[in-house]
Amino acid sequence: MWCWRKMLQIPWTAFRTNLSILEELKLDKKPRLSKICLRKILEFFGHIACKPGDNLQKLIITERMEGKRSRGRNPMRWTDQVRTTLNMNVAKAVRVAKNRTRWQNIVREGLFP
């Protein structure tokens, strides 16, 4: 946001909301970068979930890999984003993603109008 303020030559002492600056730049109607990234994550998840059989990517996504985890706090995983966005566990999301038209509706119209 500071770079747009600099481009518009707005001093840091001026009280302007971020929304007013976005409206001035006509950027308030465009989708946010975080929503675009989340849509791409869900599209890729659907792509992997629709693959037939148990390939390596699907095993990693459904967390059926064997091994020992490292010490400390668990890092934020890619599947955690899918789980929190869809409000369902990964196994159910894989079942839903098998139906391509339903999955596309969830990703495009359902979550991001």
PDB file of N, CA and C in Angstrom:
ATOM      1  N   MET A   1       0.818  -1.185   0.000  1.00  0.00           N
ATOM      2  CA  MET A   1       0.000   0.000   0.000  1.00  0.00           C
ATOM      3  C   MET A   1       0.869   1.260   0.000  1.00  0.00           C
ATOM      4  N   TRP A   2       2.020   1.182   0.653  1.00  0.00           N
ATOM      5  CA  TRP A   2       2.886   2.368   0.720  1.00  0.00           C
ATOM      6  C   TRP A   2       3.393   2.761  -0.656  1.00  0.00           C
ATOM      7  N   CYS A   3       3.580   1.779  -1.557  1.00  0.00           N
ATOM      8  CA  CYS A   3       4.087   2.128  -2.891  1.00  0.00           C
ATOM      9  C   CYS A   3       3.025   2.892  -3.683  1.00  0.00           C
ATOM     10  N   TRP A   4       1.749   2.545  -3.501  1.00  0.00           N
ATOM     11  CA  TRP A   4       0.695   3.282  -4.184  1.00  0.00           C
ATOM     12  C   TRP A   4       0.560   4.690  -3.612  1.00  0.00           C
ATOM     13  N   ARG A   5       0.743   4.821  -2.312  1.00  0.00           N
ATOM     14  CA  ARG A   5       0.716   6.154  -1.711  1.00  0.00           C
ATOM     15  C   ARG A   5       1.842   7.013  -2.282  1.00  0.00           C
ATOM     16  N   LYS A   6       2.997   6.400  -2.481  1.00  0.00           N
ATOM     17  CA  LYS A   6       4.142   7.131  -3.027  1.00  0.00           C
ATOM     18  C   LYS A   6       3.875   7.536  -4.479  1.00  0.00           C
ATOM     19  N   MET A   7       3.248   6.636  -5.253  1.00  0.00           N
ATOM     20  CA  MET A   7       2.939   6.951  -6.648  1.00  0.00           C
ATOM     21  C   MET A   7       1.948   8.106  -6.757  1.00  0.00           C
ATOM     22  N   LEU A   8       1.000   8.157  -5.829  1.00  0.00           N
ATOM     23  CA  LEU A   8       0.005   9.229  -5.841  1.00  0.00           C
ATOM     24  C   LEU A   8       0.483  10.478  -5.116  1.00  0.00           C
ATOM     25  N   GLN A   9       1.683  10.430  -4.564  1.00  0.00           N
ATOM     26  CA  GLN A   9       2.301  11.533  -3.832  1.00  0.00           C
ATOM     27  C   GLN A   9       1.436  11.977  -2.651  1.00  0.00           C
ATOM     28  N   ILE A  10       0.983  10.989  -1.897  1.00  0.00           N
ATOM     29  CA  ILE A  10       0.209  11.257  -0.686  1.00  0.00           C
ATOM     30  C   ILE A  10       1.182  11.221   0.482  1.00  0.00           C
ATOM     31  N   PRO A  11       1.274  12.288   1.265  1.00  0.00           N
ATOM     32  CA  PRO A  11       2.213  12.275   2.391  1.00  0.00           C
ATOM     33  C   PRO A  11       1.757  11.302   3.475  1.00  0.00           C
ATOM     34  N   TRP A  12       2.692  10.862   4.260  1.00  0.00           N
ATOM     35  CA  TRP A  12       2.368   9.884   5.295  1.00  0.00           C
ATOM     36  C   TRP A  12       1.529  10.490   6.403  1.00  0.00           C
ATOM     37  N   THR A  13       1.517  11.811   6.485  1.00  0.00           N
ATOM     38  CA  THR A  13       0.721  12.482   7.512  1.00  0.00           C
ATOM     39  C   THR A  13      -0.742  12.635   7.109  1.00  0.00           C
ATOM     40  N   ALA A  14      -1.041  12.460   5.830  1.00  0.00           N
ATOM     41  CA  ALA A  14      -2.422  12.604   5.365  1.00  0.00           C
ATOM     42  C   ALA A  14      -3.242  11.399   5.815  1.00  0.00           C
ATOM     43  N   PHE A  15      -4.412  11.683   6.356  1.00  0.00           N
ATOM     44  CA  PHE A  15      -5.288  10.608   6.812  1.00  0.00           C
ATOM     45  C   PHE A  15      -6.136  10.138   5.638  1.00  0.00           C
ATOM     46  N   ARG A  16      -5.725   9.057   5.025  1.00  0.00           N
ATOM     47  CA  ARG A  16      -6.472   8.460   3.915  1.00  0.00           C
ATOM     48  C   ARG A  16      -6.595   6.975   4.183  1.00  0.00           C
ATOM     49  N   THR A  17      -7.761   6.434   3.975  1.00  0.00           N
ATOM     50  CA  THR A  17      -7.937   4.995   4.173  1.00  0.00           C
ATOM     51  C   THR A  17      -7.387   4.247   2.967  1.00  0.00           C
ATOM     52  N   ASN A  18      -7.048   3.007   3.199  1.00  0.00           N
ATOM     53  CA  ASN A  18      -6.552   2.181   2.106  1.00  0.00           C
ATOM     54  C   ASN A  18      -7.622   1.999   1.034  1.00  0.00           C
ATOM     55  N   LEU A  19      -8.866   1.912   1.463  1.00  0.00           N
ATOM     56  CA  LEU A  19      -9.961   1.739   0.519  1.00  0.00           C
ATOM     57  C   LEU A  19     -10.093   2.941  -0.409  1.00  0.00           C
ATOM     58  N   SER A  20      -9.910   4.153   0.126  1.00  0.00           N
ATOM     59  CA  SER A  20     -10.017   5.339  -0.723  1.00  0.00           C
ATOM     60  C   SER A  20      -8.883   5.392  -1.749  1.00  0.00           C
ATOM     61  N   ILE A  21      -7.720   4.914  -1.363  1.00  0.00           N
ATOM     62  CA  ILE A  21      -6.597   4.883  -2.306  1.00  0.00           C
ATOM     63  C   ILE A  21      -6.850   3.849  -3.397  1.00  0.00           C
ATOM     64  N   LEU A  22      -7.376   2.692  -3.014  1.00  0.00           N
ATOM     65  CA  LEU A  22      -7.700   1.670  -4.006  1.00  0.00           C
ATOM     66  C   LEU A  22      -8.790   2.148  -4.958  1.00  0.00           C
ATOM     67  N   GLU A  23      -9.764   2.901  -4.442  1.00  0.00           N
ATOM     68  CA  GLU A  23     -10.807   3.450  -5.310  1.00  0.00           C
ATOM     69  C   GLU A  23     -10.229   4.477  -6.278  1.00  0.00           C
ATOM     70  N   GLU A  24      -9.289   5.274  -5.807  1.00  0.00           N
ATOM     71  CA  GLU A  24      -8.663   6.272  -6.677  1.00  0.00           C
ATOM     72  C   GLU A  24      -7.870   5.604  -7.798  1.00  0.00           C
ATOM     73  N   LEU A  25      -7.252   4.481  -7.483  1.00  0.00           N
ATOM     74  CA  LEU A  25      -6.497   3.744  -8.493  1.00  0.00           C
ATOM     75  C   LEU A  25      -7.379   2.801  -9.308  1.00  0.00           C
ATOM     76  N   LYS A  26      -8.670   2.729  -8.943  1.00  0.00           N
ATOM     77  CA  LYS A  26      -9.637   1.837  -9.588  1.00  0.00           C
ATOM     78  C   LYS A  26      -9.219   0.372  -9.456  1.00  0.00           C
ATOM     79  N   LEU A  27      -8.711   0.027  -8.271  1.00  0.00           N
ATOM     80  CA  LEU A  27      -8.292  -1.345  -7.993  1.00  0.00           C
ATOM     81  C   LEU A  27      -9.214  -2.043  -6.997  1.00  0.00           C
ATOM     82  N   ASP A  28     -10.288  -1.379  -6.581  1.00  0.00           N
ATOM     83  CA  ASP A  28     -11.135  -1.961  -5.541  1.00  0.00           C
ATOM     84  C   ASP A  28     -11.993  -3.113  -6.051  1.00  0.00           C
ATOM     85  N   LYS A  29     -12.204  -3.239  -7.340  1.00  0.00           N
ATOM     86  CA  LYS A  29     -13.050  -4.297  -7.886  1.00  0.00           C
ATOM     87  C   LYS A  29     -12.266  -5.536  -8.308  1.00  0.00           C
ATOM     88  N   LYS A  30     -10.965  -5.437  -8.380  1.00  0.00           N
ATOM     89  CA  LYS A  30     -10.152  -6.572  -8.805  1.00  0.00           C
ATOM     90  C   LYS A  30      -9.988  -7.555  -7.653  1.00  0.00           C
ATOM     91  N   PRO A  31      -9.877  -8.851  -7.976  1.00  0.00           N
ATOM     92  CA  PRO A  31      -9.706  -9.831  -6.893  1.00  0.00           C
ATOM     93  C   PRO A  31      -8.352  -9.685  -6.212  1.00  0.00           C
ATOM     94  N   ARG A  32      -8.334  -9.979  -4.938  1.00  0.00           N
ATOM     95  CA  ARG A  32      -7.107  -9.899  -4.152  1.00  0.00           C
ATOM     96  C   ARG A  32      -6.167 -11.025  -4.545  1.00  0.00           C
ATOM     97  N   LEU A  33      -4.885 -10.795  -4.357  1.00  0.00           N
ATOM     98  CA  LEU A  33      -3.876 -11.791  -4.684  1.00  0.00           C
ATOM     99  C   LEU A  33      -4.046 -13.047  -3.841  1.00  0.00           C
ATOM    100  N   SER A  34      -4.446 -12.896  -2.596  1.00  0.00           N
ATOM    101  CA  SER A  34      -4.635 -14.066  -1.734  1.00  0.00           C
ATOM    102  C   SER A  34      -5.759 -14.954  -2.252  1.00  0.00           C
ATOM    103  N   LYS A  35      -6.827 -14.350  -2.780  1.00  0.00           N
ATOM    104  CA  LYS A  35      -7.922 -15.154  -3.328  1.00  0.00           C
ATOM    105  C   LYS A  35      -7.505 -15.845  -4.617  1.00  0.00           C
ATOM    106  N   ILE A  36      -6.696 -15.181  -5.411  1.00  0.00           N
ATOM    107  CA  ILE A  36      -6.211 -15.798  -6.645  1.00  0.00           C
ATOM    108  C   ILE A  36      -5.328 -16.998  -6.311  1.00  0.00           C
ATOM    109  N   CYS A  37      -4.442 -16.835  -5.335  1.00  0.00           N
ATOM    110  CA  CYS A  37      -3.568 -17.945  -4.930  1.00  0.00           C
ATOM    111  C   CYS A  37      -4.376 -19.096  -4.357  1.00  0.00           C
ATOM    112  N   LEU A  38      -5.377 -18.794  -3.560  1.00  0.00           N
ATOM    113  CA  LEU A  38      -6.211 -19.840  -2.976  1.00  0.00           C
ATOM    114  C   LEU A  38      -6.987 -20.587  -4.048  1.00  0.00           C
ATOM    115  N   ARG A  39      -7.468 -19.868  -5.049  1.00  0.00           N
ATOM    116  CA  ARG A  39      -8.164 -20.526  -6.158  1.00  0.00           C
ATOM    117  C   ARG A  39      -7.220 -21.467  -6.898  1.00  0.00           C
ATOM    118  N   LYS A  40      -5.988 -21.028  -7.135  1.00  0.00           N
ATOM    119  CA  LYS A  40      -5.018 -21.881  -7.826  1.00  0.00           C
ATOM    120  C   LYS A  40      -4.681 -23.124  -7.003  1.00  0.00           C
ATOM    121  N   ILE A  41      -4.590 -22.969  -5.683  1.00  0.00           N
ATOM    122  CA  ILE A  41      -4.324 -24.117  -4.814  1.00  0.00           C
ATOM    123  C   ILE A  41      -5.452 -25.128  -4.925  1.00  0.00           C
ATOM    124  N   LEU A  42      -6.696 -24.644  -4.893  1.00  0.00           N
ATOM    125  CA  LEU A  42      -7.833 -25.554  -4.978  1.00  0.00           C
ATOM    126  C   LEU A  42      -7.946 -26.197  -6.353  1.00  0.00           C
ATOM    127  N   GLU A  43      -7.614 -25.458  -7.408  1.00  0.00           N
ATOM    128  CA  GLU A  43      -7.631 -26.048  -8.746  1.00  0.00           C
ATOM    129  C   GLU A  43      -6.586 -27.151  -8.865  1.00  0.00           C
ATOM    130  N   PHE A  44      -5.408 -26.925  -8.321  1.00  0.00           N
ATOM    131  CA  PHE A  44      -4.360 -27.946  -8.369  1.00  0.00           C
ATOM    132  C   PHE A  44      -4.735 -29.153  -7.514  1.00  0.00           C
ATOM    133  N   PHE A  45      -5.365 -28.906  -6.370  1.00  0.00           N
ATOM    134  CA  PHE A  45      -5.830 -30.001  -5.521  1.00  0.00           C
ATOM    135  C   PHE A  45      -6.834 -30.867  -6.275  1.00  0.00           C
ATOM    136  N   GLY A  46      -7.771 -30.239  -6.975  1.00  0.00           N
ATOM    137  CA  GLY A  46      -8.739 -30.989  -7.767  1.00  0.00           C
ATOM    138  C   GLY A  46      -8.078 -31.763  -8.886  1.00  0.00           C
ATOM    139  N   HIS A  47      -7.057 -31.196  -9.487  1.00  0.00           N
ATOM    140  CA  HIS A  47      -6.323 -31.873 -10.558  1.00  0.00           C
ATOM    141  C   HIS A  47      -5.659 -33.148 -10.046  1.00  0.00           C
ATOM    142  N   ILE A  48      -5.033 -33.062  -8.894  1.00  0.00           N
ATOM    143  CA  ILE A  48      -4.353 -34.231  -8.329  1.00  0.00           C
ATOM    144  C   ILE A  48      -5.363 -35.249  -7.816  1.00  0.00           C
ATOM    145  N   ALA A  49      -6.445 -34.781  -7.210  1.00  0.00           N
ATOM    146  CA  ALA A  49      -7.433 -35.689  -6.630  1.00  0.00           C
ATOM    147  C   ALA A  49      -8.162 -36.495  -7.696  1.00  0.00           C
ATOM    148  N   CYS A  50      -8.273 -35.981  -8.907  1.00  0.00           N
ATOM    149  CA  CYS A  50      -8.990 -36.694  -9.969  1.00  0.00           C
ATOM    150  C   CYS A  50      -8.139 -37.742 -10.664  1.00  0.00           C
ATOM    151  N   LYS A  51      -6.848 -37.770 -10.405  1.00  0.00           N
ATOM    152  CA  LYS A  51      -5.987 -38.755 -11.058  1.00  0.00           C
ATOM    153  C   LYS A  51      -6.351 -40.157 -10.592  1.00  0.00           C
ATOM    154  N   PRO A  52      -6.341 -41.124 -11.503  1.00  0.00           N
ATOM    155  CA  PRO A  52      -6.711 -42.490 -11.109  1.00  0.00           C
ATOM    156  C   PRO A  52      -5.600 -43.173 -10.317  1.00  0.00           C
ATOM    157  N   GLY A  53      -6.001 -44.088  -9.447  1.00  0.00           N
ATOM    158  CA  GLY A  53      -5.030 -44.883  -8.699  1.00  0.00           C
ATOM    159  C   GLY A  53      -4.395 -44.111  -7.562  1.00  0.00           C
ATOM    160  N   ASP A  54      -3.452 -44.771  -6.919  1.00  0.00           N
ATOM    161  CA  ASP A  54      -2.721 -44.152  -5.816  1.00  0.00           C
ATOM    162  C   ASP A  54      -1.330 -43.768  -6.294  1.00  0.00           C
ATOM    163  N   ASN A  55      -1.208 -42.583  -6.835  1.00  0.00           N
ATOM    164  CA  ASN A  55       0.104 -42.103  -7.251  1.00  0.00           C
ATOM    165  C   ASN A  55       0.745 -41.339  -6.097  1.00  0.00           C
ATOM    166  N   LEU A  56       1.968 -40.940  -6.270  1.00  0.00           N
ATOM    167  CA  LEU A  56       2.728 -40.302  -5.199  1.00  0.00           C
ATOM    168  C   LEU A  56       2.092 -38.993  -4.733  1.00  0.00           C
ATOM    169  N   GLN A  57       1.613 -38.189  -5.674  1.00  0.00           N
ATOM    170  CA  GLN A  57       1.010 -36.912  -5.295  1.00  0.00           C
ATOM    171  C   GLN A  57      -0.225 -37.121  -4.420  1.00  0.00           C
ATOM    172  N   LYS A  58      -1.059 -38.092  -4.790  1.00  0.00           N
ATOM    173  CA  LYS A  58      -2.271 -38.331  -4.011  1.00  0.00           C
ATOM    174  C   LYS A  58      -1.943 -38.895  -2.638  1.00  0.00           C
ATOM    175  N   LEU A  59      -0.903 -39.720  -2.555  1.00  0.00           N
ATOM    176  CA  LEU A  59      -0.488 -40.246  -1.258  1.00  0.00           C
ATOM    177  C   LEU A  59      -0.007 -39.123  -0.344  1.00  0.00           C
ATOM    178  N   ILE A  60       0.713 -38.180  -0.912  1.00  0.00           N
ATOM    179  CA  ILE A  60       1.210 -37.060  -0.111  1.00  0.00           C
ATOM    180  C   ILE A  60       0.055 -36.177   0.351  1.00  0.00           C
ATOM    181  N   ILE A  61      -0.901 -35.919  -0.529  1.00  0.00           N
ATOM    182  CA  ILE A  61      -2.032 -35.063  -0.169  1.00  0.00           C
ATOM    183  C   ILE A  61      -2.897 -35.700   0.908  1.00  0.00           C
ATOM    184  N   THR A  62      -3.171 -36.984   0.781  1.00  0.00           N
ATOM    185  CA  THR A  62      -4.033 -37.642   1.768  1.00  0.00           C
ATOM    186  C   THR A  62      -3.264 -38.055   3.012  1.00  0.00           C
ATOM    187  N   GLU A  63      -1.996 -37.687   3.087  1.00  0.00           N
ATOM    188  CA  GLU A  63      -1.150 -37.877   4.270  1.00  0.00           C
ATOM    189  C   GLU A  63      -1.019 -39.340   4.671  1.00  0.00           C
ATOM    190  N   ARG A  64      -0.822 -40.195   3.680  1.00  0.00           N
ATOM    191  CA  ARG A  64      -0.630 -41.605   3.972  1.00  0.00           C
ATOM    192  C   ARG A  64       0.830 -42.018   3.801  1.00  0.00           C
ATOM    193  N   MET A  65       1.722 -41.071   3.898  1.00  0.00           N
ATOM    194  CA  MET A  65       3.142 -41.371   3.792  1.00  0.00           C
ATOM    195  C   MET A  65       3.655 -41.824   5.152  1.00  0.00           C
ATOM    196  N   GLU A  66       4.562 -42.777   5.137  1.00  0.00           N
ATOM    197  CA  GLU A  66       5.140 -43.263   6.376  1.00  0.00           C
ATOM    198  C   GLU A  66       6.418 -42.494   6.668  1.00  0.00           C
ATOM    199  N   GLY A  67       6.740 -42.417   7.917  1.00  0.00           N
ATOM    200  CA  GLY A  67       7.965 -41.744   8.313  1.00  0.00           C
ATOM    201  C   GLY A  67       7.783 -41.034   9.627  1.00  0.00           C
ATOM    202  N   LYS A  68       8.858 -40.470  10.093  1.00  0.00           N
ATOM    203  CA  LYS A  68       8.860 -39.795  11.377  1.00  0.00           C
ATOM    204  C   LYS A  68       8.905 -38.293  11.139  1.00  0.00           C
ATOM    205  N   ARG A  69       8.085 -37.562  11.866  1.00  0.00           N
ATOM    206  CA  ARG A  69       8.082 -36.119  11.691  1.00  0.00           C
ATOM    207  C   ARG A  69       9.170 -35.488  12.547  1.00  0.00           C
ATOM    208  N   SER A  70       9.579 -34.309  12.167  1.00  0.00           N
ATOM    209  CA  SER A  70      10.623 -33.616  12.911  1.00  0.00           C
ATOM    210  C   SER A  70      10.048 -33.013  14.187  1.00  0.00           C
ATOM    211  N   ARG A  71      10.925 -32.610  15.078  1.00  0.00           N
ATOM    212  CA  ARG A  71      10.505 -32.036  16.351  1.00  0.00           C
ATOM    213  C   ARG A  71       9.960 -30.633  16.164  1.00  0.00           C
ATOM    214  N   GLY A  72       9.227 -30.186  17.166  1.00  0.00           N
ATOM    215  CA  GLY A  72       8.739 -28.815  17.156  1.00  0.00           C
ATOM    216  C   GLY A  72       7.318 -28.706  16.640  1.00  0.00           C
ATOM    217  N   ARG A  73       6.909 -27.486  16.466  1.00  0.00           N
ATOM    218  CA  ARG A  73       5.555 -27.219  15.997  1.00  0.00           C
ATOM    219  C   ARG A  73       5.407 -27.645  14.548  1.00  0.00           C
ATOM    220  N   ASN A  74       4.251 -28.197  14.228  1.00  0.00           N
ATOM    221  CA  ASN A  74       4.006 -28.582  12.848  1.00  0.00           C
ATOM    222  C   ASN A  74       3.880 -27.333  11.978  1.00  0.00           C
ATOM    223  N   PRO A  75       4.519 -27.324  10.831  1.00  0.00           N
ATOM    224  CA  PRO A  75       4.403 -26.156   9.962  1.00  0.00           C
ATOM    225  C   PRO A  75       3.029 -26.117   9.290  1.00  0.00           C
ATOM    226  N   MET A  76       2.655 -24.951   8.812  1.00  0.00           N
ATOM    227  CA  MET A  76       1.406 -24.820   8.068  1.00  0.00           C
ATOM    228  C   MET A  76       1.589 -25.534   6.746  1.00  0.00           C
ATOM    229  N   ARG A  77       0.782 -26.539   6.525  1.00  0.00           N
ATOM    230  CA  ARG A  77       0.911 -27.337   5.314  1.00  0.00           C
ATOM    231  C   ARG A  77      -0.073 -26.859   4.264  1.00  0.00           C
ATOM    232  N   TRP A  78       0.171 -27.318   3.063  1.00  0.00           N
ATOM    233  CA  TRP A  78      -0.659 -26.980   1.924  1.00  0.00           C
ATOM    234  C   TRP A  78      -2.064 -27.537   2.123  1.00  0.00           C
ATOM    235  N   THR A  79      -2.151 -28.746   2.673  1.00  0.00           N
ATOM    236  CA  THR A  79      -3.461 -29.355   2.895  1.00  0.00           C
ATOM    237  C   THR A  79      -4.232 -28.648   4.007  1.00  0.00           C
ATOM    238  N   ASP A  80      -3.538 -27.989   4.914  1.00  0.00           N
ATOM    239  CA  ASP A  80      -4.228 -27.234   5.961  1.00  0.00           C
ATOM    240  C   ASP A  80      -5.033 -26.083   5.358  1.00  0.00           C
ATOM    241  N   GLN A  81      -4.498 -25.456   4.318  1.00  0.00           N
ATOM    242  CA  GLN A  81      -5.229 -24.386   3.645  1.00  0.00           C
ATOM    243  C   GLN A  81      -6.483 -24.928   2.973  1.00  0.00           C
ATOM    244  N   VAL A  82      -6.351 -26.092   2.335  1.00  0.00           N
ATOM    245  CA  VAL A  82      -7.510 -26.707   1.684  1.00  0.00           C
ATOM    246  C   VAL A  82      -8.557 -27.057   2.730  1.00  0.00           C
ATOM    247  N   ARG A  83      -8.113 -27.618   3.838  1.00  0.00           N
ATOM    248  CA  ARG A  83      -9.024 -28.051   4.897  1.00  0.00           C
ATOM    249  C   ARG A  83      -9.784 -26.861   5.494  1.00  0.00           C
ATOM    250  N   THR A  84      -9.092 -25.773   5.783  1.00  0.00           N
ATOM    251  CA  THR A  84      -9.764 -24.625   6.396  1.00  0.00           C
ATOM    252  C   THR A  84     -10.648 -23.877   5.401  1.00  0.00           C
ATOM    253  N   THR A  85     -10.268 -23.842   4.141  1.00  0.00           N
ATOM    254  CA  THR A  85     -11.065 -23.143   3.143  1.00  0.00           C
ATOM    255  C   THR A  85     -12.375 -23.866   2.861  1.00  0.00           C
ATOM    256  N   LEU A  86     -12.298 -25.190   2.734  1.00  0.00           N
ATOM    257  CA  LEU A  86     -13.484 -25.965   2.371  1.00  0.00           C
ATOM    258  C   LEU A  86     -14.305 -26.422   3.567  1.00  0.00           C
ATOM    259  N   ASN A  87     -13.769 -26.285   4.769  1.00  0.00           N
ATOM    260  CA  ASN A  87     -14.432 -26.759   5.988  1.00  0.00           C
ATOM    261  C   ASN A  87     -14.772 -28.245   5.916  1.00  0.00           C
ATOM    262  N   MET A  88     -13.867 -29.020   5.376  1.00  0.00           N
ATOM    263  CA  MET A  88     -14.028 -30.474   5.339  1.00  0.00           C
ATOM    264  C   MET A  88     -12.648 -31.105   5.364  1.00  0.00           C
ATOM    265  N   ASN A  89     -12.591 -32.378   5.755  1.00  0.00           N
ATOM    266  CA  ASN A  89     -11.286 -33.030   5.795  1.00  0.00           C
ATOM    267  C   ASN A  89     -10.824 -33.360   4.379  1.00  0.00           C
ATOM    268  N   VAL A  90      -9.577 -33.753   4.255  1.00  0.00           N
ATOM    269  CA  VAL A  90      -8.970 -33.948   2.942  1.00  0.00           C
ATOM    270  C   VAL A  90      -9.590 -35.132   2.217  1.00  0.00           C
ATOM    271  N   ALA A  91      -9.908 -36.203   2.946  1.00  0.00           N
ATOM    272  CA  ALA A  91     -10.495 -37.383   2.305  1.00  0.00           C
ATOM    273  C   ALA A  91     -11.843 -37.044   1.671  1.00  0.00           C
ATOM    274  N   LYS A  92     -12.646 -36.254   2.358  1.00  0.00           N
ATOM    275  CA  LYS A  92     -13.940 -35.852   1.803  1.00  0.00           C
ATOM    276  C   LYS A  92     -13.745 -34.923   0.612  1.00  0.00           C
ATOM    277  N   ALA A  93     -12.759 -34.042   0.692  1.00  0.00           N
ATOM    278  CA  ALA A  93     -12.479 -33.132  -0.426  1.00  0.00           C
ATOM    279  C   ALA A  93     -12.031 -33.907  -1.660  1.00  0.00           C
ATOM    280  N   VAL A  94     -11.282 -35.000  -1.454  1.00  0.00           N
ATOM    281  CA  VAL A  94     -10.865 -35.833  -2.590  1.00  0.00           C
ATOM    282  C   VAL A  94     -12.091 -36.470  -3.232  1.00  0.00           C
ATOM    283  N   ARG A  95     -13.033 -36.944  -2.412  1.00  0.00           N
ATOM    284  CA  ARG A  95     -14.257 -37.546  -2.961  1.00  0.00           C
ATOM    285  C   ARG A  95     -15.081 -36.516  -3.726  1.00  0.00           C
ATOM    286  N   VAL A  96     -15.160 -35.310  -3.205  1.00  0.00           N
ATOM    287  CA  VAL A  96     -15.914 -34.252  -3.886  1.00  0.00           C
ATOM    288  C   VAL A  96     -15.228 -33.872  -5.193  1.00  0.00           C
ATOM    289  N   ALA A  97     -13.905 -33.844  -5.196  1.00  0.00           N
ATOM    290  CA  ALA A  97     -13.153 -33.422  -6.383  1.00  0.00           C
ATOM    291  C   ALA A  97     -13.229 -34.441  -7.511  1.00  0.00           C
ATOM    292  N   LYS A  98     -13.634 -35.670  -7.217  1.00  0.00           N
ATOM    293  CA  LYS A  98     -13.781 -36.680  -8.277  1.00  0.00           C
ATOM    294  C   LYS A  98     -14.845 -36.253  -9.282  1.00  0.00           C
ATOM    295  N   ASN A  99     -15.870 -35.555  -8.811  1.00  0.00           N
ATOM    296  CA  ASN A  99     -16.899 -35.015  -9.695  1.00  0.00           C
ATOM    297  C   ASN A  99     -16.411 -33.655 -10.190  1.00  0.00           C
ATOM    298  N   ARG A 100     -15.903 -33.620 -11.409  1.00  0.00           N
ATOM    299  CA  ARG A 100     -15.239 -32.416 -11.919  1.00  0.00           C
ATOM    300  C   ARG A 100     -16.155 -31.197 -11.991  1.00  0.00           C
ATOM    301  N   THR A 101     -17.369 -31.388 -12.479  1.00  0.00           N
ATOM    302  CA  THR A 101     -18.255 -30.225 -12.620  1.00  0.00           C
ATOM    303  C   THR A 101     -18.622 -29.651 -11.257  1.00  0.00           C
ATOM    304  N   ARG A 102     -18.863 -30.515 -10.285  1.00  0.00           N
ATOM    305  CA  ARG A 102     -19.183 -30.024  -8.942  1.00  0.00           C
ATOM    306  C   ARG A 102     -17.985 -29.296  -8.335  1.00  0.00           C
ATOM    307  N   TRP A 103     -16.788 -29.856  -8.545  1.00  0.00           N
ATOM    308  CA  TRP A 103     -15.579 -29.235  -7.999  1.00  0.00           C
ATOM    309  C   TRP A 103     -15.338 -27.864  -8.626  1.00  0.00           C
ATOM    310  N   GLN A 104     -15.528 -27.768  -9.933  1.00  0.00           N
ATOM    311  CA  GLN A 104     -15.339 -26.484 -10.602  1.00  0.00           C
ATOM    312  C   GLN A 104     -16.340 -25.451 -10.103  1.00  0.00           C
ATOM    313  N   ASN A 105     -17.576 -25.886  -9.840  1.00  0.00           N
ATOM    314  CA  ASN A 105     -18.568 -24.964  -9.289  1.00  0.00           C
ATOM    315  C   ASN A 105     -18.178 -24.508  -7.893  1.00  0.00           C
ATOM    316  N   ILE A 106     -17.647 -25.419  -7.088  1.00  0.00           N
ATOM    317  CA  ILE A 106     -17.222 -25.051  -5.736  1.00  0.00           C
ATOM    318  C   ILE A 106     -16.095 -24.031  -5.794  1.00  0.00           C
ATOM    319  N   VAL A 107     -15.120 -24.279  -6.658  1.00  0.00           N
ATOM    320  CA  VAL A 107     -13.947 -23.399  -6.722  1.00  0.00           C
ATOM    321  C   VAL A 107     -14.301 -22.047  -7.335  1.00  0.00           C
ATOM    322  N   ARG A 108     -15.029 -22.040  -8.425  1.00  0.00           N
ATOM    323  CA  ARG A 108     -15.265 -20.783  -9.139  1.00  0.00           C
ATOM    324  C   ARG A 108     -16.432 -19.976  -8.580  1.00  0.00           C
ATOM    325  N   GLU A 109     -17.624 -20.565  -8.571  1.00  0.00           N
ATOM    326  CA  GLU A 109     -18.789 -19.782  -8.162  1.00  0.00           C
ATOM    327  C   GLU A 109     -19.052 -19.846  -6.667  1.00  0.00           C
ATOM    328  N   GLY A 110     -18.850 -21.008  -6.076  1.00  0.00           N
ATOM    329  CA  GLY A 110     -19.215 -21.184  -4.676  1.00  0.00           C
ATOM    330  C   GLY A 110     -18.365 -20.380  -3.721  1.00  0.00           C
ATOM    331  N   LEU A 111     -17.062 -20.479  -3.851  1.00  0.00           N
ATOM    332  CA  LEU A 111     -16.162 -19.810  -2.917  1.00  0.00           C
ATOM    333  C   LEU A 111     -15.843 -18.383  -3.319  1.00  0.00           C
ATOM    334  N   PHE A 112     -15.776 -18.135  -4.600  1.00  0.00           N
ATOM    335  CA  PHE A 112     -15.327 -16.831  -5.079  1.00  0.00           C
ATOM    336  C   PHE A 112     -16.345 -16.254  -6.052  1.00  0.00           C
ATOM    337  N   PRO A 113     -17.389 -15.620  -5.564  1.00  0.00           N
ATOM    338  CA  PRO A 113     -18.396 -15.060  -6.478  1.00  0.00           C
ATOM    339  C   PRO A 113     -17.867 -13.886  -7.274  1.00  0.00           C
TER     340      PRO A 113
END
